[in-house]
Amino acid sequence: MSQAALATVPAIFDDVDNDTLAAIQAVWASDNAYLPQYCPQPPRVQRLKEPIVPAGFGTTVKGYVGVEFVLESRDLWDTGGTWRDVRRITLKGYGVKAVAQAIGQGMLALFNRLTVLSYPSTDPTTNLPRFYRWWPEGGVTLKEDDEVKVAQDIWRAELVALVTSIRPA
């Protein structure tokens, strides 16, 4: 594919991921009591290379949450030039086993079939993009993370959902 052809591809994919991440972080921030004691930072896209030890916590290692986005489908929604965008979202909470379990419980409480995402890029005139549905694919799974080895066993709580939004063409 030529550079000229690539230049014509819209940046919708990064925009949708950034929009969805900001909306997930807003839902996450709505819990100011339970999750901050286990996970002091909002969800992020990249994995950490070292554990988080926030100031004032001594040597207590806190967990963190990573978000992964995969485009499932993008199809024409109606004749008005809007698209239905479906993303597979995976929230991955990392920490020692007790922390990963607690993060998993918090994720399940916040992100379920009743979850509503508010996209920051919504146009007030067209009301696009607009959130359509958060559809969990089961509950939280908990497994030991073999990729991370830092003096303690690190566990990963995962929650997978399909997120549908309506976007301008």
C-alpha atoms as a PDB file:
ATOM      1  CA  MET A   1       0.000   0.000   0.000  1.00  0.00           C
ATOM      2  CA  SER A   2       1.335   3.405  -0.902  1.00  0.00           C
ATOM      3  CA  GLN A   3       1.860   6.294   1.479  1.00  0.00           C
ATOM      4  CA  ALA A   4      -0.733   8.270  -0.499  1.00  0.00           C
ATOM      5  CA  ALA A   5      -3.319   5.533   0.078  1.00  0.00           C
ATOM      6  CA  LEU A   6      -2.500   5.411   3.788  1.00  0.00           C
ATOM      7  CA  ALA A   7      -2.904   9.183   4.023  1.00  0.00           C
ATOM      8  CA  THR A   8      -6.545   8.823   2.945  1.00  0.00           C
ATOM      9  CA  VAL A   9      -7.403   6.436   5.793  1.00  0.00           C
ATOM     10  CA  PRO A  10      -9.212   8.351   8.552  1.00  0.00           C
ATOM     11  CA  ALA A  11      -7.791   8.419  12.057  1.00  0.00           C
ATOM     12  CA  ILE A  12     -11.101   7.049  13.346  1.00  0.00           C
ATOM     13  CA  PHE A  13      -9.465   4.007  14.921  1.00  0.00           C
ATOM     14  CA  ASP A  14      -7.232   5.984  17.278  1.00  0.00           C
ATOM     15  CA  ASP A  15     -10.051   8.457  17.907  1.00  0.00           C
ATOM     16  CA  VAL A  16     -12.495   5.725  18.895  1.00  0.00           C
ATOM     17  CA  ASP A  17      -9.973   4.074  21.218  1.00  0.00           C
ATOM     18  CA  ASN A  18      -9.065   7.417  22.840  1.00  0.00           C
ATOM     19  CA  ASP A  19     -12.739   8.327  23.183  1.00  0.00           C
ATOM     20  CA  THR A  20     -13.569   4.973  24.744  1.00  0.00           C
ATOM     21  CA  LEU A  21     -10.578   5.107  27.101  1.00  0.00           C
ATOM     22  CA  ALA A  22     -11.634   8.559  28.348  1.00  0.00           C
ATOM     23  CA  ALA A  23     -15.200   7.295  28.892  1.00  0.00           C
ATOM     24  CA  ILE A  24     -13.919   4.216  30.790  1.00  0.00           C
ATOM     25  CA  GLN A  25     -11.703   6.439  32.939  1.00  0.00           C
ATOM     26  CA  ALA A  26     -14.725   8.639  33.757  1.00  0.00           C
ATOM     27  CA  VAL A  27     -16.721   5.611  34.922  1.00  0.00           C
ATOM     28  CA  TRP A  28     -13.686   4.442  36.906  1.00  0.00           C
ATOM     29  CA  ALA A  29     -13.387   7.869  38.567  1.00  0.00           C
ATOM     30  CA  SER A  30     -17.007   7.638  39.737  1.00  0.00           C
ATOM     31  CA  ASP A  31     -15.819   5.123  42.361  1.00  0.00           C
ATOM     32  CA  ASN A  32     -13.795   7.235  44.764  1.00  0.00           C
ATOM     33  CA  ALA A  33     -13.893   4.836  47.709  1.00  0.00           C
ATOM     34  CA  TYR A  34     -13.362   1.178  46.808  1.00  0.00           C
ATOM     35  CA  LEU A  35     -11.016   1.016  43.811  1.00  0.00           C
ATOM     36  CA  PRO A  36      -8.500   3.730  44.816  1.00  0.00           C
ATOM     37  CA  GLN A  37      -7.385   1.645  47.790  1.00  0.00           C
ATOM     38  CA  TYR A  38      -6.331  -1.154  45.405  1.00  0.00           C
ATOM     39  CA  CYS A  39      -5.581   0.763  42.226  1.00  0.00           C
ATOM     40  CA  PRO A  40      -4.512   4.414  42.706  1.00  0.00           C
ATOM     41  CA  GLN A  41      -4.368   5.291  38.999  1.00  0.00           C
ATOM     42  CA  PRO A  42      -7.083   5.192  36.320  1.00  0.00           C
ATOM     43  CA  PRO A  43      -6.937   2.511  33.608  1.00  0.00           C
ATOM     44  CA  ARG A  44      -4.145   2.952  31.063  1.00  0.00           C
ATOM     45  CA  VAL A  45      -3.410   1.531  27.628  1.00  0.00           C
ATOM     46  CA  GLN A  46       0.113   0.252  28.217  1.00  0.00           C
ATOM     47  CA  ARG A  47       1.412  -2.253  30.752  1.00  0.00           C
ATOM     48  CA  LEU A  48       3.719  -1.163  33.517  1.00  0.00           C
ATOM     49  CA  LYS A  49       7.231  -2.535  33.754  1.00  0.00           C
ATOM     50  CA  GLU A  50       7.417  -2.113  37.540  1.00  0.00           C
ATOM     51  CA  PRO A  51       4.834  -2.228  40.329  1.00  0.00           C
ATOM     52  CA  ILE A  52       3.237   0.948  41.635  1.00  0.00           C
ATOM     53  CA  VAL A  53       4.310   2.013  45.137  1.00  0.00           C
ATOM     54  CA  PRO A  54       2.531   5.344  45.713  1.00  0.00           C
ATOM     55  CA  ALA A  55       3.894   7.922  48.128  1.00  0.00           C
ATOM     56  CA  GLY A  56       2.577   7.435  51.629  1.00  0.00           C
ATOM     57  CA  PHE A  57       1.969   3.711  51.204  1.00  0.00           C
ATOM     58  CA  GLY A  58       5.389   2.542  52.429  1.00  0.00           C
ATOM     59  CA  THR A  59       6.285  -0.621  50.534  1.00  0.00           C
ATOM     60  CA  THR A  60       2.687  -1.646  49.811  1.00  0.00           C
ATOM     61  CA  VAL A  61       2.423  -2.568  46.153  1.00  0.00           C
ATOM     62  CA  LYS A  62      -0.788  -1.404  44.527  1.00  0.00           C
ATOM     63  CA  GLY A  63      -2.409  -2.820  41.436  1.00  0.00           C
ATOM     64  CA  TYR A  64      -3.125  -1.183  38.129  1.00  0.00           C
ATOM     65  CA  VAL A  65      -5.506  -1.702  35.233  1.00  0.00           C
ATOM     66  CA  GLY A  66      -4.651  -1.888  31.551  1.00  0.00           C
ATOM     67  CA  VAL A  67      -7.148  -1.565  28.707  1.00  0.00           C
ATOM     68  CA  GLU A  68      -6.914  -3.343  25.380  1.00  0.00           C
ATOM     69  CA  PHE A  69      -9.001  -2.393  22.321  1.00  0.00           C
ATOM     70  CA  VAL A  70      -9.727  -4.606  19.303  1.00  0.00           C
ATOM     71  CA  LEU A  71     -11.973  -3.550  16.422  1.00  0.00           C
ATOM     72  CA  GLU A  72     -14.633  -6.259  16.006  1.00  0.00           C
ATOM     73  CA  SER A  73     -16.716  -4.671  13.256  1.00  0.00           C
ATOM     74  CA  ARG A  74     -17.565  -1.381  11.676  1.00  0.00           C
ATOM     75  CA  ASP A  75     -20.567  -1.247   9.369  1.00  0.00           C
ATOM     76  CA  LEU A  76     -22.918   1.283   7.884  1.00  0.00           C
ATOM     77  CA  TRP A  77     -25.728   1.946  10.368  1.00  0.00           C
ATOM     78  CA  ASP A  78     -28.224   3.756   8.144  1.00  0.00           C
ATOM     79  CA  THR A  79     -28.425   5.768   4.957  1.00  0.00           C
ATOM     80  CA  GLY A  80     -27.594   8.966   6.845  1.00  0.00           C
ATOM     81  CA  GLY A  81     -23.865   8.253   6.839  1.00  0.00           C
ATOM     82  CA  THR A  82     -23.368   6.887  10.339  1.00  0.00           C
ATOM     83  CA  TRP A  83     -21.387   3.837  11.350  1.00  0.00           C
ATOM     84  CA  ARG A  84     -21.933   1.220  14.016  1.00  0.00           C
ATOM     85  CA  ASP A  85     -18.553   0.616  15.628  1.00  0.00           C
ATOM     86  CA  VAL A  86     -18.051  -2.485  17.795  1.00  0.00           C
ATOM     87  CA  ARG A  87     -14.899  -2.845  19.912  1.00  0.00           C
ATOM     88  CA  ARG A  88     -13.802  -5.732  22.106  1.00  0.00           C
ATOM     89  CA  ILE A  89     -12.583  -4.102  25.312  1.00  0.00           C
ATOM     90  CA  THR A  90     -10.468  -6.060  27.765  1.00  0.00           C
ATOM     91  CA  LEU A  91      -9.858  -4.581  31.206  1.00  0.00           C
ATOM     92  CA  LYS A  92      -6.874  -6.271  32.869  1.00  0.00           C
ATOM     93  CA  GLY A  93      -6.260  -5.651  36.564  1.00  0.00           C
ATOM     94  CA  TYR A  94      -2.774  -6.589  37.789  1.00  0.00           C
ATOM     95  CA  GLY A  95      -1.577  -7.114  41.352  1.00  0.00           C
ATOM     96  CA  VAL A  96      -0.861  -9.697  44.003  1.00  0.00           C
ATOM     97  CA  LYS A  97      -3.720 -12.197  44.189  1.00  0.00           C
ATOM     98  CA  ALA A  98      -5.793 -10.384  46.829  1.00  0.00           C
ATOM     99  CA  VAL A  99      -5.395  -7.051  45.003  1.00  0.00           C
ATOM    100  CA  ALA A 100      -6.250  -8.574  41.610  1.00  0.00           C
ATOM    101  CA  GLN A 101      -9.367 -10.181  43.141  1.00  0.00           C
ATOM    102  CA  ALA A 102     -10.441  -6.866  44.664  1.00  0.00           C
ATOM    103  CA  ILE A 103      -9.853  -5.022  41.382  1.00  0.00           C
ATOM    104  CA  GLY A 104     -11.862  -7.715  39.581  1.00  0.00           C
ATOM    105  CA  GLN A 105     -14.787  -7.228  41.982  1.00  0.00           C
ATOM    106  CA  GLY A 106     -14.614  -3.470  41.479  1.00  0.00           C
ATOM    107  CA  MET A 107     -14.489  -3.837  37.691  1.00  0.00           C
ATOM    108  CA  LEU A 108     -17.516  -6.129  37.744  1.00  0.00           C
ATOM    109  CA  ALA A 109     -19.462  -3.671  39.902  1.00  0.00           C
ATOM    110  CA  LEU A 110     -18.659  -0.723  37.613  1.00  0.00           C
ATOM    111  CA  PHE A 111     -18.689  -2.366  34.186  1.00  0.00           C
ATOM    112  CA  ASN A 112     -21.796  -4.442  33.553  1.00  0.00           C
ATOM    113  CA  ARG A 113     -24.870  -4.397  31.299  1.00  0.00           C
ATOM    114  CA  LEU A 114     -26.074  -1.226  33.032  1.00  0.00           C
ATOM    115  CA  THR A 115     -22.862   0.691  32.269  1.00  0.00           C
ATOM    116  CA  VAL A 116     -23.289   3.879  30.254  1.00  0.00           C
ATOM    117  CA  LEU A 117     -20.245   5.514  28.668  1.00  0.00           C
ATOM    118  CA  SER A 118     -20.156   9.251  27.966  1.00  0.00           C
ATOM    119  CA  TYR A 119     -17.883   9.996  25.048  1.00  0.00           C
ATOM    120  CA  PRO A 120     -16.010  13.304  25.338  1.00  0.00           C
ATOM    121  CA  SER A 121     -16.143  13.939  21.583  1.00  0.00           C
ATOM    122  CA  THR A 122     -19.953  13.910  21.305  1.00  0.00           C
ATOM    123  CA  ASP A 123     -21.208  16.658  18.992  1.00  0.00           C
ATOM    124  CA  PRO A 124     -24.188  18.416  20.666  1.00  0.00           C
ATOM    125  CA  THR A 125     -25.827  19.089  17.288  1.00  0.00           C
ATOM    126  CA  THR A 126     -25.728  15.576  15.816  1.00  0.00           C
ATOM    127  CA  ASN A 127     -25.383  13.712  19.131  1.00  0.00           C
ATOM    128  CA  LEU A 128     -22.620  11.646  17.487  1.00  0.00           C
ATOM    129  CA  PRO A 129     -20.682   9.694  18.514  1.00  0.00           C
ATOM    130  CA  ARG A 130     -23.107   8.129  20.891  1.00  0.00           C
ATOM    131  CA  PHE A 131     -22.770   5.190  23.192  1.00  0.00           C
ATOM    132  CA  TYR A 132     -25.051   2.317  22.336  1.00  0.00           C
ATOM    133  CA  ARG A 133     -24.187  -0.681  24.511  1.00  0.00           C
ATOM    134  CA  TRP A 134     -21.654  -2.250  26.902  1.00  0.00           C
ATOM    135  CA  TRP A 135     -22.083  -6.016  26.614  1.00  0.00           C
ATOM    136  CA  PRO A 136     -19.952  -8.140  28.998  1.00  0.00           C
ATOM    137  CA  GLU A 137     -18.754 -11.502  27.735  1.00  0.00           C
ATOM    138  CA  GLY A 138     -19.049 -13.369  31.012  1.00  0.00           C
ATOM    139  CA  GLY A 139     -17.631 -12.472  34.388  1.00  0.00           C
ATOM    140  CA  VAL A 140     -14.154 -11.685  35.622  1.00  0.00           C
ATOM    141  CA  THR A 141     -11.488 -14.330  35.136  1.00  0.00           C
ATOM    142  CA  LEU A 142      -8.517 -14.531  37.495  1.00  0.00           C
ATOM    143  CA  LYS A 143      -5.217 -16.107  36.481  1.00  0.00           C
ATOM    144  CA  GLU A 144      -1.578 -15.912  37.393  1.00  0.00           C
ATOM    145  CA  ASP A 145       0.377 -13.691  35.021  1.00  0.00           C
ATOM    146  CA  ASP A 146       3.425 -15.593  33.810  1.00  0.00           C
ATOM    147  CA  GLU A 147       4.908 -12.592  32.012  1.00  0.00           C
ATOM    148  CA  VAL A 148       5.576 -10.560  35.163  1.00  0.00           C
ATOM    149  CA  LYS A 149       8.074 -11.681  37.766  1.00  0.00           C
ATOM    150  CA  VAL A 150       8.743  -9.193  40.553  1.00  0.00           C
ATOM    151  CA  ALA A 151       9.555 -10.920  43.848  1.00  0.00           C
ATOM    152  CA  GLN A 152       5.803 -11.623  44.309  1.00  0.00           C
ATOM    153  CA  ASP A 153       3.433 -13.637  42.174  1.00  0.00           C
ATOM    154  CA  ILE A 154       1.406 -11.266  40.012  1.00  0.00           C
ATOM    155  CA  TRP A 155      -2.192 -12.104  39.134  1.00  0.00           C
ATOM    156  CA  ARG A 156      -4.429 -10.714  36.424  1.00  0.00           C
ATOM    157  CA  ALA A 157      -8.196 -10.159  36.655  1.00  0.00           C
ATOM    158  CA  GLU A 158      -9.764  -9.803  33.198  1.00  0.00           C
ATOM    159  CA  LEU A 159     -13.140  -8.470  32.157  1.00  0.00           C
ATOM    160  CA  VAL A 160     -14.063  -8.589  28.469  1.00  0.00           C
ATOM    161  CA  ALA A 161     -16.960  -6.693  26.880  1.00  0.00           C
ATOM    162  CA  LEU A 162     -18.175  -5.609  23.474  1.00  0.00           C
ATOM    163  CA  VAL A 163     -18.773  -1.865  23.287  1.00  0.00           C
ATOM    164  CA  THR A 164     -20.986  -0.524  20.517  1.00  0.00           C
ATOM    165  CA  SER A 165     -21.089   3.129  19.525  1.00  0.00           C
ATOM    166  CA  ILE A 166     -22.645   5.077  16.665  1.00  0.00           C
ATOM    167  CA  ARG A 167     -20.171   7.281  14.818  1.00  0.00           C
ATOM    168  CA  PRO A 168     -20.256   9.775  11.945  1.00  0.00           C
ATOM    169  CA  ALA A 169     -18.913   8.519   8.634  1.00  0.00           C
END
